[in-house]
Structure formats: C-alpha cells, structure tokens
Amino acid sequence: MPLEQTLAARSSEYNALFPALLQEWTTPTNAADAPMIIRRSSRAGQAVRGSVAQDAWTALDDRSERGKLIMDPAENVLRADKFLKITQAWGLIKEEADELKVAWR
C-alpha cells in the first residue's frame, strides 16, 4: 500500500499571522508591532535556535502552531543549508520572552 502525505489544515489564525512572519524573515524591520526574530547560533555555528517574540501569538488557540508558523515561512525564504541548521523554534509572547530572559528589545 503506498503512503500518502497529508497536510494538516492550518487554522485561520495561522493563516492571518503567516504573512507578517514571511515578511519579517524576508525583510526584517524594527516596527513595534512586527514579529521580532531572534537567532542564536551555537559556538561552532552548526545549530541555530530561533525565537520569535510577538504578542500576536495569543491569537493562536493551539500553541503547537507557533513553531510551525516560525518554520514554514523560514523554509520559503532561507537557503536549505541555513534552514536545516534551525534546531529549535520558540514562539513567545513578549512577557514569556522576558521571563525566559530572551533578549528581544
């Protein structure tokens, strides 16, 4: 029996937030309402932890969509060698970023 790949349906909130993340991966801005993408490389430069701080995450009912919403637009923008180095993708509201001491300001 052949295997068939199925794509999970994305929520309307995911679809609403996707363009802003795609724009920020493409052309980063310092606008107060724009998502803040934070990339931290390992010492050897082999792995990258990506975090996105934005209060718009509160619109997502399913917190697991945060990581998908970071990685999907990144996959559209980054070269494969850069994209494949991302080992973590954390979507944090700004308060969570502050609690975890993630520098986003």
Protein backbone atom coordinates (compact mmCIF):
# COMPACT_ATOMS: atom_id res chain seq x y z
CA MET A 1 0.00 0.00 0.00
CA PRO A 2 1.53 3.36 -0.96
CA LEU A 3 1.90 6.01 1.68
CA GLU A 4 0.21 9.30 1.09
CA GLN A 5 1.41 12.55 2.57
CA THR A 6 -1.34 14.61 4.09
CA LEU A 7 -1.00 18.22 5.11
CA ALA A 8 -2.69 19.29 8.29
CA ALA A 9 -5.20 22.06 7.86
CA ARG A 10 -3.96 25.36 9.21
CA SER A 11 -6.13 27.49 11.45
CA SER A 12 -7.47 30.85 10.33
CA GLU A 13 -5.22 32.47 12.96
CA TYR A 14 -2.19 30.71 11.43
CA ASN A 15 -3.20 31.99 8.00
CA ALA A 16 -3.64 35.51 9.37
CA LEU A 17 -0.19 35.56 11.05
CA PHE A 18 1.78 33.86 8.26
CA PRO A 19 2.26 36.97 6.02
CA ALA A 20 3.84 39.01 8.84
CA LEU A 21 6.31 36.21 9.65
CA LEU A 22 7.14 35.73 5.97
CA GLN A 23 7.73 39.48 5.63
CA GLU A 24 9.93 39.56 8.73
CA TRP A 25 12.07 36.62 7.50
CA THR A 26 12.38 38.34 4.11
CA THR A 27 12.96 41.94 5.21
CA PRO A 28 13.40 42.42 8.96
CA THR A 29 12.04 45.66 10.40
CA ASN A 30 12.15 47.39 13.75
CA ALA A 31 8.45 48.22 13.77
CA ALA A 32 6.94 47.86 17.25
CA ASP A 33 4.13 45.59 16.03
CA ALA A 34 6.35 43.40 13.81
CA PRO A 35 7.44 39.96 14.98
CA MET A 36 10.96 40.03 16.43
CA ILE A 37 13.02 37.11 15.09
CA ILE A 38 15.93 36.22 17.34
CA ARG A 39 18.57 33.83 16.01
CA ARG A 40 21.21 32.38 18.32
CA SER A 41 23.96 30.24 16.84
CA SER A 42 25.84 27.56 18.70
CA ARG A 43 29.51 28.23 19.39
CA ALA A 44 30.51 26.04 16.46
CA GLY A 45 27.85 27.64 14.26
CA GLN A 46 26.32 24.27 13.47
CA ALA A 47 22.92 24.85 15.05
CA VAL A 48 20.62 27.83 15.34
CA ARG A 49 17.90 28.39 17.92
CA GLY A 50 15.18 30.61 16.57
CA SER A 51 12.72 32.51 18.71
CA VAL A 52 10.02 34.91 17.68
CA ALA A 53 8.69 37.39 20.20
CA GLN A 54 5.32 38.89 19.37
CA ASP A 55 2.13 39.39 21.29
CA ALA A 56 0.10 38.21 18.29
CA TRP A 57 0.81 34.62 19.40
CA THR A 58 -2.08 34.97 21.84
CA ALA A 59 -4.44 34.68 18.84
CA LEU A 60 -3.41 31.04 18.33
CA ASP A 61 -5.56 28.58 20.24
CA ASP A 62 -3.08 25.76 19.55
CA ARG A 63 0.34 26.66 20.98
CA SER A 64 1.94 23.94 18.85
CA GLU A 65 1.24 26.08 15.79
CA ARG A 66 3.80 28.64 16.96
CA GLY A 67 6.79 26.53 15.89
CA LYS A 68 5.17 25.65 12.59
CA LEU A 69 4.44 29.31 12.00
CA ILE A 70 8.11 30.15 12.51
CA MET A 71 9.48 27.34 10.37
CA ASP A 72 7.06 27.41 7.42
CA PRO A 73 7.90 30.96 6.28
CA ALA A 74 11.59 30.40 7.10
CA GLU A 75 11.58 27.43 4.74
CA ASN A 76 10.24 29.71 1.99
CA VAL A 77 12.95 32.33 2.49
CA LEU A 78 16.17 30.68 3.71
CA ARG A 79 18.56 28.58 1.67
CA ALA A 80 18.42 24.90 2.60
CA ASP A 81 21.84 24.96 4.31
CA LYS A 82 20.65 27.80 6.60
CA PHE A 83 17.14 26.44 7.17
CA LEU A 84 18.36 22.97 8.14
CA LYS A 85 20.55 24.43 10.91
CA ILE A 86 17.50 25.60 12.86
CA THR A 87 17.09 23.10 15.66
CA GLN A 88 14.56 24.91 17.85
CA ALA A 89 11.78 27.35 17.04
CA TRP A 90 10.13 29.05 20.00
CA GLY A 91 7.18 31.34 19.60
CA LEU A 92 6.99 33.55 22.68
CA ILE A 93 4.79 36.42 23.65
CA LYS A 94 6.94 39.31 24.86
CA GLU A 95 6.14 38.59 28.51
CA GLU A 96 7.30 34.97 28.10
CA ALA A 97 10.48 36.18 26.38
CA ASP A 98 11.16 38.47 29.33
CA GLU A 99 10.55 35.65 31.84
CA LEU A 100 12.97 33.38 29.95
CA LYS A 101 15.47 36.25 29.64
CA VAL A 102 15.42 36.11 25.84
CA ALA A 103 16.86 39.41 24.62
CA TRP A 104 14.38 40.75 22.08
CA ARG A 105 14.43 44.52 22.70
